[in-house]
């Protein structure tokens, strides 16, 4: 059997890799995309996360634009801007959760948390004895 060349072997990079922004993003969206991807460890995102990452970058830029507009807005346009800002902020929250950004990236699941990582700062709730003097 002939030996395969090193170039023909498809090895996984043990350190992972960072996704590159796709073409078609605005300059601001490219910056938001890059900041998001580089905010977590390499390999955190896979190619199938690309649509969510693009939507997150777009929503981040929209949120900033609306925030700046709110700072300069006249009183009659404030309700419309607040509604738009709330919708974009909600989208950002849902996308961040789906992409496991923020606290979810650092501590993915309470079920997988190692036992003993949280120490009680007093009596355990099931060991509580009410003080009779307070009655």
C-alpha atoms as a PDB file:
ATOM      1  CA  UNK A   1       0.000   0.000   0.000  1.00  0.00           C
ATOM      2  CA  UNK A   2       1.508   3.356  -0.995  1.00  0.00           C
ATOM      3  CA  UNK A   3       2.217   5.891   1.674  1.00  0.00           C
ATOM      4  CA  UNK A   4      -0.026   8.981   1.807  1.00  0.00           C
ATOM      5  CA  UNK A   5       1.608  12.388   1.660  1.00  0.00           C
ATOM      6  CA  UNK A   6       1.299  14.788   4.578  1.00  0.00           C
ATOM      7  CA  UNK A   7      -0.708  17.169   2.385  1.00  0.00           C
ATOM      8  CA  UNK A   8      -3.312  14.507   1.618  1.00  0.00           C
ATOM      9  CA  UNK A   9      -3.973  13.752   5.281  1.00  0.00           C
ATOM     10  CA  UNK A  10      -6.876  15.659   6.732  1.00  0.00           C
ATOM     11  CA  UNK A  11      -5.980  16.225  10.335  1.00  0.00           C
ATOM     12  CA  UNK A  12      -7.943  18.281  12.777  1.00  0.00           C
ATOM     13  CA  UNK A  13      -6.022  21.211  14.171  1.00  0.00           C
ATOM     14  CA  UNK A  14      -5.848  20.484  17.919  1.00  0.00           C
ATOM     15  CA  UNK A  15      -6.092  24.191  18.736  1.00  0.00           C
ATOM     16  CA  UNK A  16      -9.135  24.648  16.515  1.00  0.00           C
ATOM     17  CA  UNK A  17      -9.609  27.546  14.150  1.00  0.00           C
ATOM     18  CA  UNK A  18     -11.493  30.812  13.894  1.00  0.00           C
ATOM     19  CA  UNK A  19     -14.105  31.296  11.213  1.00  0.00           C
ATOM     20  CA  UNK A  20     -13.550  34.079   8.722  1.00  0.00           C
ATOM     21  CA  UNK A  21     -16.374  36.511   7.908  1.00  0.00           C
ATOM     22  CA  UNK A  22     -18.207  35.656   4.697  1.00  0.00           C
ATOM     23  CA  UNK A  23     -18.253  38.069   1.768  1.00  0.00           C
ATOM     24  CA  UNK A  24     -21.152  40.486   1.587  1.00  0.00           C
ATOM     25  CA  UNK A  25     -20.955  41.865   5.123  1.00  0.00           C
ATOM     26  CA  UNK A  26     -20.614  45.596   5.688  1.00  0.00           C
ATOM     27  CA  UNK A  27     -17.420  46.878   7.299  1.00  0.00           C
ATOM     28  CA  UNK A  28     -19.145  47.271  10.669  1.00  0.00           C
ATOM     29  CA  UNK A  29     -20.631  43.771  10.442  1.00  0.00           C
ATOM     30  CA  UNK A  30     -17.195  42.334   9.600  1.00  0.00           C
ATOM     31  CA  UNK A  31     -15.745  43.981  12.715  1.00  0.00           C
ATOM     32  CA  UNK A  32     -18.619  42.665  14.871  1.00  0.00           C
ATOM     33  CA  UNK A  33     -18.243  39.188  13.338  1.00  0.00           C
ATOM     34  CA  UNK A  34     -14.498  39.130  14.033  1.00  0.00           C
ATOM     35  CA  UNK A  35     -14.910  40.407  17.588  1.00  0.00           C
ATOM     36  CA  UNK A  36     -17.536  37.751  18.299  1.00  0.00           C
ATOM     37  CA  UNK A  37     -15.520  34.884  16.843  1.00  0.00           C
ATOM     38  CA  UNK A  38     -12.347  35.919  18.643  1.00  0.00           C
ATOM     39  CA  UNK A  39     -14.139  36.388  21.978  1.00  0.00           C
ATOM     40  CA  UNK A  40     -14.183  32.612  22.498  1.00  0.00           C
ATOM     41  CA  UNK A  41     -11.621  29.857  22.152  1.00  0.00           C
ATOM     42  CA  UNK A  42     -10.626  28.758  18.647  1.00  0.00           C
ATOM     43  CA  UNK A  43     -12.823  25.900  17.485  1.00  0.00           C
ATOM     44  CA  UNK A  44     -15.844  27.075  19.540  1.00  0.00           C
ATOM     45  CA  UNK A  45     -17.769  27.740  16.326  1.00  0.00           C
ATOM     46  CA  UNK A  46     -18.201  25.351  13.427  1.00  0.00           C
ATOM     47  CA  UNK A  47     -19.087  26.109   9.806  1.00  0.00           C
ATOM     48  CA  UNK A  48     -22.770  25.392  10.472  1.00  0.00           C
ATOM     49  CA  UNK A  49     -22.801  28.327  12.943  1.00  0.00           C
ATOM     50  CA  UNK A  50     -22.139  30.794  10.121  1.00  0.00           C
ATOM     51  CA  UNK A  51     -25.784  31.917   9.582  1.00  0.00           C
ATOM     52  CA  UNK A  52     -26.243  32.553  13.312  1.00  0.00           C
ATOM     53  CA  UNK A  53     -22.943  34.428  13.509  1.00  0.00           C
ATOM     54  CA  UNK A  54     -23.885  36.611  10.542  1.00  0.00           C
ATOM     55  CA  UNK A  55     -27.283  37.357  12.132  1.00  0.00           C
ATOM     56  CA  UNK A  56     -25.583  38.142  15.458  1.00  0.00           C
ATOM     57  CA  UNK A  57     -23.103  40.515  13.806  1.00  0.00           C
ATOM     58  CA  UNK A  58     -25.921  42.244  11.943  1.00  0.00           C
ATOM     59  CA  UNK A  59     -28.045  42.565  15.098  1.00  0.00           C
ATOM     60  CA  UNK A  60     -25.047  43.962  16.998  1.00  0.00           C
ATOM     61  CA  UNK A  61     -24.582  46.693  14.407  1.00  0.00           C
ATOM     62  CA  UNK A  62     -28.320  47.439  14.350  1.00  0.00           C
ATOM     63  CA  UNK A  63     -28.397  47.729  18.148  1.00  0.00           C
ATOM     64  CA  UNK A  64     -25.523  50.231  18.113  1.00  0.00           C
ATOM     65  CA  UNK A  65     -27.176  52.300  15.371  1.00  0.00           C
ATOM     66  CA  UNK A  66     -30.491  52.393  17.242  1.00  0.00           C
ATOM     67  CA  UNK A  67     -28.720  53.275  20.511  1.00  0.00           C
ATOM     68  CA  UNK A  68     -26.997  56.236  18.869  1.00  0.00           C
ATOM     69  CA  UNK A  69     -30.290  57.298  17.293  1.00  0.00           C
ATOM     70  CA  UNK A  70     -31.955  57.142  20.716  1.00  0.00           C
ATOM     71  CA  UNK A  71     -29.334  59.519  22.117  1.00  0.00           C
ATOM     72  CA  UNK A  72     -30.112  62.104  19.438  1.00  0.00           C
ATOM     73  CA  UNK A  73     -33.849  61.442  19.020  1.00  0.00           C
ATOM     74  CA  UNK A  74     -36.655  63.902  19.410  1.00  0.00           C
ATOM     75  CA  UNK A  75     -39.479  63.050  21.823  1.00  0.00           C
ATOM     76  CA  UNK A  76     -41.959  62.019  19.099  1.00  0.00           C
ATOM     77  CA  UNK A  77     -39.684  59.319  17.650  1.00  0.00           C
ATOM     78  CA  UNK A  78     -38.660  57.774  20.988  1.00  0.00           C
ATOM     79  CA  UNK A  79     -41.452  55.142  21.233  1.00  0.00           C
ATOM     80  CA  UNK A  80     -40.646  53.771  17.780  1.00  0.00           C
ATOM     81  CA  UNK A  81     -36.930  53.621  18.532  1.00  0.00           C
ATOM     82  CA  UNK A  82     -37.486  51.970  21.921  1.00  0.00           C
ATOM     83  CA  UNK A  83     -39.651  49.308  20.276  1.00  0.00           C
ATOM     84  CA  UNK A  84     -37.007  48.661  17.617  1.00  0.00           C
ATOM     85  CA  UNK A  85     -34.257  48.572  20.231  1.00  0.00           C
ATOM     86  CA  UNK A  86     -36.202  46.062  22.339  1.00  0.00           C
ATOM     87  CA  UNK A  87     -36.693  43.749  19.391  1.00  0.00           C
ATOM     88  CA  UNK A  88     -33.047  43.877  18.356  1.00  0.00           C
ATOM     89  CA  UNK A  89     -31.887  43.384  21.957  1.00  0.00           C
ATOM     90  CA  UNK A  90     -34.167  40.361  22.259  1.00  0.00           C
ATOM     91  CA  UNK A  91     -32.730  38.943  19.045  1.00  0.00           C
ATOM     92  CA  UNK A  92     -29.200  39.483  20.352  1.00  0.00           C
ATOM     93  CA  UNK A  93     -30.045  37.643  23.550  1.00  0.00           C
ATOM     94  CA  UNK A  94     -31.534  34.661  21.727  1.00  0.00           C
ATOM     95  CA  UNK A  95     -28.657  34.505  19.246  1.00  0.00           C
ATOM     96  CA  UNK A  96     -26.048  34.765  22.021  1.00  0.00           C
ATOM     97  CA  UNK A  97     -27.742  31.893  23.832  1.00  0.00           C
ATOM     98  CA  UNK A  98     -27.840  29.789  20.666  1.00  0.00           C
ATOM     99  CA  UNK A  99     -24.166  30.522  19.987  1.00  0.00           C
ATOM    100  CA  UNK A 100     -23.211  29.875  23.621  1.00  0.00           C
ATOM    101  CA  UNK A 101     -21.617  33.275  24.103  1.00  0.00           C
ATOM    102  CA  UNK A 102     -20.882  34.927  27.425  1.00  0.00           C
ATOM    103  CA  UNK A 103     -21.508  32.964  30.588  1.00  0.00           C
ATOM    104  CA  UNK A 104     -22.780  29.985  28.588  1.00  0.00           C
ATOM    105  CA  UNK A 105     -19.358  29.643  26.969  1.00  0.00           C
ATOM    106  CA  UNK A 106     -17.584  29.659  30.324  1.00  0.00           C
ATOM    107  CA  UNK A 107     -19.991  27.384  32.207  1.00  0.00           C
ATOM    108  CA  UNK A 108     -22.072  25.461  29.675  1.00  0.00           C
ATOM    109  CA  UNK A 109     -24.338  23.428  31.906  1.00  0.00           C
ATOM    110  CA  UNK A 110     -25.234  23.155  35.537  1.00  0.00           C
ATOM    111  CA  UNK A 111     -25.647  19.417  34.999  1.00  0.00           C
ATOM    112  CA  UNK A 112     -21.994  19.102  34.019  1.00  0.00           C
ATOM    113  CA  UNK A 113     -20.683  21.291  36.809  1.00  0.00           C
ATOM    114  CA  UNK A 114     -18.286  19.431  39.029  1.00  0.00           C
ATOM    115  CA  UNK A 115     -19.652  18.668  42.502  1.00  0.00           C
ATOM    116  CA  UNK A 116     -18.323  20.839  45.260  1.00  0.00           C
ATOM    117  CA  UNK A 117     -17.756  23.935  43.154  1.00  0.00           C
ATOM    118  CA  UNK A 118     -20.271  25.938  45.181  1.00  0.00           C
ATOM    119  CA  UNK A 119     -19.830  26.103  48.911  1.00  0.00           C
ATOM    120  CA  UNK A 120     -22.745  26.797  51.219  1.00  0.00           C
ATOM    121  CA  UNK A 121     -22.451  29.985  53.237  1.00  0.00           C
ATOM    122  CA  UNK A 122     -24.628  28.890  56.128  1.00  0.00           C
ATOM    123  CA  UNK A 123     -26.901  26.047  57.104  1.00  0.00           C
ATOM    124  CA  UNK A 124     -28.308  23.988  54.285  1.00  0.00           C
ATOM    125  CA  UNK A 125     -31.964  24.777  53.525  1.00  0.00           C
ATOM    126  CA  UNK A 126     -33.195  21.344  54.580  1.00  0.00           C
ATOM    127  CA  UNK A 127     -31.381  21.695  57.899  1.00  0.00           C
ATOM    128  CA  UNK A 128     -33.107  24.988  58.746  1.00  0.00           C
ATOM    129  CA  UNK A 129     -34.635  25.200  62.198  1.00  0.00           C
ATOM    130  CA  UNK A 130     -36.828  28.241  62.828  1.00  0.00           C
ATOM    131  CA  UNK A 131     -35.873  30.307  65.826  1.00  0.00           C
ATOM    132  CA  UNK A 132     -38.647  30.053  68.407  1.00  0.00           C
ATOM    133  CA  UNK A 133     -37.855  33.536  69.742  1.00  0.00           C
ATOM    134  CA  UNK A 134     -39.067  35.082  66.473  1.00  0.00           C
ATOM    135  CA  UNK A 135     -42.582  33.648  66.880  1.00  0.00           C
END
